[in-house]
């Protein structure tokens, strides 16, 4: 993978990712995740549902940005439609707000780092995976790269949050992530296969418990993470 794409996948990218736990904090509060084994199960479920959806949207966004560049323009109307597809696959209002907040932060960072017509054409409050896909294209990545970075982030973000929330052994957490590597690759492959198809046919796997957790979390009096 090119260095530019490694920068995009790096958790140190100034895009606000450290402020989000991907639903892990409310899962911890509910007692659903207490240890590394519980974390591994949570990550596997998140990857197969919201992770797949996000990776597919990112792959589609990357392909759309590449087509726009090849055509010598920027399809602003197309971005609105793709963003609406992301909205339709995010039933929780709290999750929609979190995705758009992360999208805004990432868009600012990407526009500063990789100037590109697609990034200029994106709505300022586009969903995070849509921005990530466009940013991947701007960094000269492929739809498969966009899917891989997104799927990777779907598990590494909550895993990092788990160390802070539960005081888990970082070595054990990274072993759990290593055990998920093949699953992450499989999700990225599946997502990339949808990159050039009709957007209405993008995966729409649901995770109702994560939706409920998000709504409970936004109403919590005390929380370490925004989501």
Protein backbone atom coordinates (compact mmCIF):
# COMPACT_ATOMS: atom_id res chain seq x y z
CA UNK A 1 0.00 0.00 0.00
CA UNK A 2 1.31 3.48 -0.90
CA UNK A 3 2.46 5.76 1.89
CA UNK A 4 -0.36 8.23 1.16
CA UNK A 5 -2.88 5.50 1.88
CA UNK A 6 -1.06 4.52 5.07
CA UNK A 7 -1.43 8.13 6.18
CA UNK A 8 -5.16 7.95 5.48
CA UNK A 9 -5.46 4.74 7.52
CA UNK A 10 -3.33 6.10 10.39
CA UNK A 11 -5.28 6.80 13.57
CA UNK A 12 -3.09 9.88 14.04
CA UNK A 13 -4.66 11.56 11.03
CA UNK A 14 -6.18 14.76 12.51
CA UNK A 15 -9.74 13.78 11.66
CA UNK A 16 -11.25 13.29 15.12
CA UNK A 17 -11.41 9.49 15.07
CA UNK A 18 -10.01 9.30 18.61
CA UNK A 19 -13.26 10.84 19.90
CA UNK A 20 -15.42 7.94 18.69
CA UNK A 21 -15.59 4.37 20.00
CA UNK A 22 -17.78 2.89 17.27
CA UNK A 23 -20.43 1.87 19.78
CA UNK A 24 -17.95 0.20 22.12
CA UNK A 25 -18.49 2.59 25.05
CA UNK A 26 -22.26 1.96 25.34
CA UNK A 27 -21.60 -1.76 24.91
CA UNK A 28 -19.22 -1.60 27.86
CA UNK A 29 -21.73 0.41 29.88
CA UNK A 30 -24.37 -2.24 29.16
CA UNK A 31 -22.03 -4.99 30.33
CA UNK A 32 -21.93 -6.63 26.89
CA UNK A 33 -18.15 -6.24 26.62
CA UNK A 34 -16.05 -6.93 29.70
CA UNK A 35 -12.87 -8.58 28.45
CA UNK A 36 -10.82 -9.38 25.37
CA UNK A 37 -13.06 -12.28 24.38
CA UNK A 38 -16.13 -10.03 24.55
CA UNK A 39 -14.31 -7.36 22.59
CA UNK A 40 -13.38 -9.86 19.86
CA UNK A 41 -17.02 -10.92 19.52
CA UNK A 42 -18.14 -7.28 19.38
CA UNK A 43 -15.59 -6.45 16.69
CA UNK A 44 -16.52 -9.46 14.59
CA UNK A 45 -20.20 -8.50 14.69
CA UNK A 46 -19.51 -4.85 13.95
CA UNK A 47 -17.27 -5.76 11.02
CA UNK A 48 -19.91 -8.01 9.44
CA UNK A 49 -22.67 -5.40 9.69
CA UNK A 50 -21.89 -1.70 9.90
CA UNK A 51 -18.31 -2.38 8.81
CA UNK A 52 -19.43 -4.02 5.59
CA UNK A 53 -21.92 -1.24 4.88
CA UNK A 54 -19.33 1.48 5.47
CA UNK A 55 -16.68 -0.31 3.42
CA UNK A 56 -19.10 -0.71 0.50
CA UNK A 57 -20.06 2.96 0.59
CA UNK A 58 -16.39 3.95 0.68
CA UNK A 59 -15.57 1.70 -2.28
CA UNK A 60 -18.47 3.17 -4.26
CA UNK A 61 -17.38 6.71 -3.37
CA UNK A 62 -13.82 5.99 -4.48
CA UNK A 63 -15.02 4.61 -7.81
CA UNK A 64 -17.33 7.61 -8.28
CA UNK A 65 -14.48 10.05 -7.59
CA UNK A 66 -12.23 8.27 -10.07
CA UNK A 67 -14.94 8.40 -12.75
CA UNK A 68 -15.46 12.10 -12.10
CA UNK A 69 -11.76 12.79 -12.48
CA UNK A 70 -11.55 10.77 -15.68
CA UNK A 71 -14.51 12.71 -17.08
CA UNK A 72 -12.85 16.00 -16.18
CA UNK A 73 -15.56 17.16 -13.80
CA UNK A 74 -17.12 16.74 -10.38
CA UNK A 75 -20.64 15.35 -10.10
CA UNK A 76 -22.03 17.23 -7.12
CA UNK A 77 -25.51 15.79 -7.65
CA UNK A 78 -24.09 12.28 -7.63
CA UNK A 79 -22.47 12.86 -4.25
CA UNK A 80 -25.82 13.94 -2.83
CA UNK A 81 -27.40 10.70 -4.04
CA UNK A 82 -24.61 8.52 -2.64
CA UNK A 83 -24.75 10.36 0.67
CA UNK A 84 -28.50 9.69 0.78
CA UNK A 85 -27.74 5.98 0.32
CA UNK A 86 -25.48 6.20 3.38
CA UNK A 87 -28.22 7.98 5.31
CA UNK A 88 -30.73 5.26 4.42
CA UNK A 89 -28.36 2.61 5.78
CA UNK A 90 -27.91 4.43 9.10
CA UNK A 91 -31.27 4.21 10.89
CA UNK A 92 -30.09 5.62 14.22
CA UNK A 93 -30.23 9.44 14.36
CA UNK A 94 -27.34 9.39 16.82
CA UNK A 95 -25.23 7.29 14.47
CA UNK A 96 -26.10 9.54 11.55
CA UNK A 97 -24.95 12.56 13.54
CA UNK A 98 -21.72 10.81 14.55
CA UNK A 99 -21.01 9.74 10.97
CA UNK A 100 -21.53 13.25 9.67
CA UNK A 101 -19.37 14.73 12.43
CA UNK A 102 -16.55 12.36 11.53
CA UNK A 103 -17.11 13.11 7.86
CA UNK A 104 -16.72 16.84 8.43
CA UNK A 105 -13.49 16.35 10.35
CA UNK A 106 -12.06 13.98 7.76
CA UNK A 107 -13.08 16.26 4.90
CA UNK A 108 -11.16 19.17 6.42
CA UNK A 109 -8.06 17.02 6.83
CA UNK A 110 -8.34 15.45 3.37
CA UNK A 111 -8.87 18.75 1.57
CA UNK A 112 -5.74 20.12 3.22
CA UNK A 113 -3.68 17.03 2.44
CA UNK A 114 -4.92 15.75 -0.94
CA UNK A 115 -6.59 18.51 -3.00
CA UNK A 116 -8.96 16.86 -5.47
CA UNK A 117 -12.11 17.87 -7.43
CA UNK A 118 -14.19 15.20 -5.68
CA UNK A 119 -13.30 16.52 -2.24
CA UNK A 120 -14.18 20.02 -3.37
CA UNK A 121 -17.55 18.82 -4.69
CA UNK A 122 -18.56 16.83 -1.60
CA UNK A 123 -21.24 18.29 0.67
CA UNK A 124 -19.67 19.68 3.82
CA UNK A 125 -21.61 17.30 6.06
CA UNK A 126 -21.24 14.11 4.00
CA UNK A 127 -21.16 10.78 5.83
CA UNK A 128 -17.78 9.52 6.94
CA UNK A 129 -17.47 6.50 4.59
CA UNK A 130 -18.40 8.66 1.60
CA UNK A 131 -15.67 11.14 2.48
CA UNK A 132 -13.21 8.34 3.15
CA UNK A 133 -13.84 6.85 -0.28
CA UNK A 134 -13.34 10.19 -2.01
CA UNK A 135 -10.19 10.82 0.05
CA UNK A 136 -8.83 7.43 -0.98
CA UNK A 137 -9.29 8.36 -4.64
CA UNK A 138 -7.59 11.69 -3.98
CA UNK A 139 -4.65 9.78 -2.47
CA UNK A 140 -4.53 7.66 -5.67
CA UNK A 141 -6.03 4.58 -4.09
CA UNK A 142 -8.48 2.08 -5.54
CA UNK A 143 -11.98 1.11 -4.41
CA UNK A 144 -10.42 -2.00 -2.84
CA UNK A 145 -8.06 0.27 -0.90
CA UNK A 146 -11.00 2.37 0.29
CA UNK A 147 -12.86 -0.73 1.41
CA UNK A 148 -9.79 -2.08 3.18
CA UNK A 149 -9.08 1.16 5.06
CA UNK A 150 -12.72 1.44 6.11
CA UNK A 151 -13.03 -2.18 7.24
CA UNK A 152 -9.76 -1.84 9.13
CA UNK A 153 -10.99 1.27 10.90
CA UNK A 154 -14.25 -0.45 11.81
CA UNK A 155 -12.35 -2.73 14.18
CA UNK A 156 -9.25 -0.76 15.18
CA UNK A 157 -11.22 2.26 16.42
CA UNK A 158 -13.31 0.30 18.93
CA UNK A 159 -10.28 -1.83 19.87
CA UNK A 160 -8.30 1.28 20.78
CA UNK A 161 -11.27 2.59 22.77
CA UNK A 162 -11.46 -0.71 24.67
CA UNK A 163 -7.95 -0.24 26.02
CA UNK A 164 -8.96 3.12 27.43
CA UNK A 165 -12.38 2.06 28.72
CA UNK A 166 -11.54 -1.32 30.21
CA UNK A 167 -7.81 -1.11 30.81
CA UNK A 168 -7.27 -4.21 28.68
CA UNK A 169 -3.79 -5.48 27.91
CA UNK A 170 -2.84 -3.80 24.60
CA UNK A 171 -0.91 -6.89 23.50
CA UNK A 172 -3.96 -9.08 23.96
CA UNK A 173 -6.12 -6.58 22.09
CA UNK A 174 -3.73 -6.56 19.16
CA UNK A 175 -3.71 -10.33 19.12
CA UNK A 176 -7.49 -10.17 18.80
CA UNK A 177 -7.11 -7.77 15.89
CA UNK A 178 -4.59 -10.06 14.23
CA UNK A 179 -7.06 -12.92 14.53
CA UNK A 180 -9.58 -10.77 12.63
CA UNK A 181 -7.23 -9.92 9.77
CA UNK A 182 -8.64 -12.47 7.34
CA UNK A 183 -12.19 -11.41 8.15
CA UNK A 184 -11.27 -7.77 7.51
CA UNK A 185 -9.79 -8.73 4.15
CA UNK A 186 -12.89 -10.76 3.25
CA UNK A 187 -15.18 -7.83 4.06
CA UNK A 188 -12.99 -5.51 1.99
CA UNK A 189 -13.17 -7.92 -0.95
CA UNK A 190 -16.95 -8.18 -0.68
CA UNK A 191 -17.34 -4.43 -0.40
CA UNK A 192 -15.06 -3.71 -3.35
CA UNK A 193 -17.14 -6.06 -5.52
CA UNK A 194 -20.03 -3.58 -5.18
CA UNK A 195 -17.97 -0.51 -6.10
CA UNK A 196 -19.22 -0.07 -9.65
CA UNK A 197 -22.72 -1.51 -9.32
CA UNK A 198 -25.96 0.40 -8.73
CA UNK A 199 -25.81 2.23 -5.44
CA UNK A 200 -29.25 0.98 -4.46
CA UNK A 201 -27.76 -2.54 -4.43
CA UNK A 202 -25.02 -1.72 -1.91
CA UNK A 203 -25.11 -3.93 1.21
CA UNK A 204 -27.56 -2.83 3.90
CA UNK A 205 -26.70 -5.18 6.78
CA UNK A 206 -28.31 -4.01 10.00
CA UNK A 207 -27.09 -4.03 13.60
CA UNK A 208 -30.14 -3.12 15.73
CA UNK A 209 -28.29 -3.45 19.03
CA UNK A 210 -25.65 -0.96 17.89
CA UNK A 211 -28.47 1.39 16.88
CA UNK A 212 -30.03 1.10 20.33
CA UNK A 213 -26.67 1.56 22.03
CA UNK A 214 -26.08 4.74 20.01
CA UNK A 215 -29.39 6.23 21.11
CA UNK A 216 -28.72 5.37 24.75
CA UNK A 217 -25.19 6.70 24.57
CA UNK A 218 -26.13 10.11 23.22
CA UNK A 219 -28.43 10.56 26.23
CA UNK A 220 -25.89 9.40 28.83
CA UNK A 221 -24.92 11.95 31.48
CA UNK A 222 -21.28 10.88 31.46
CA UNK A 223 -19.37 9.55 28.46
CA UNK A 224 -15.76 9.50 27.36
CA UNK A 225 -16.47 9.22 23.62
CA UNK A 226 -18.86 11.03 21.32
CA UNK A 227 -20.14 7.72 19.93
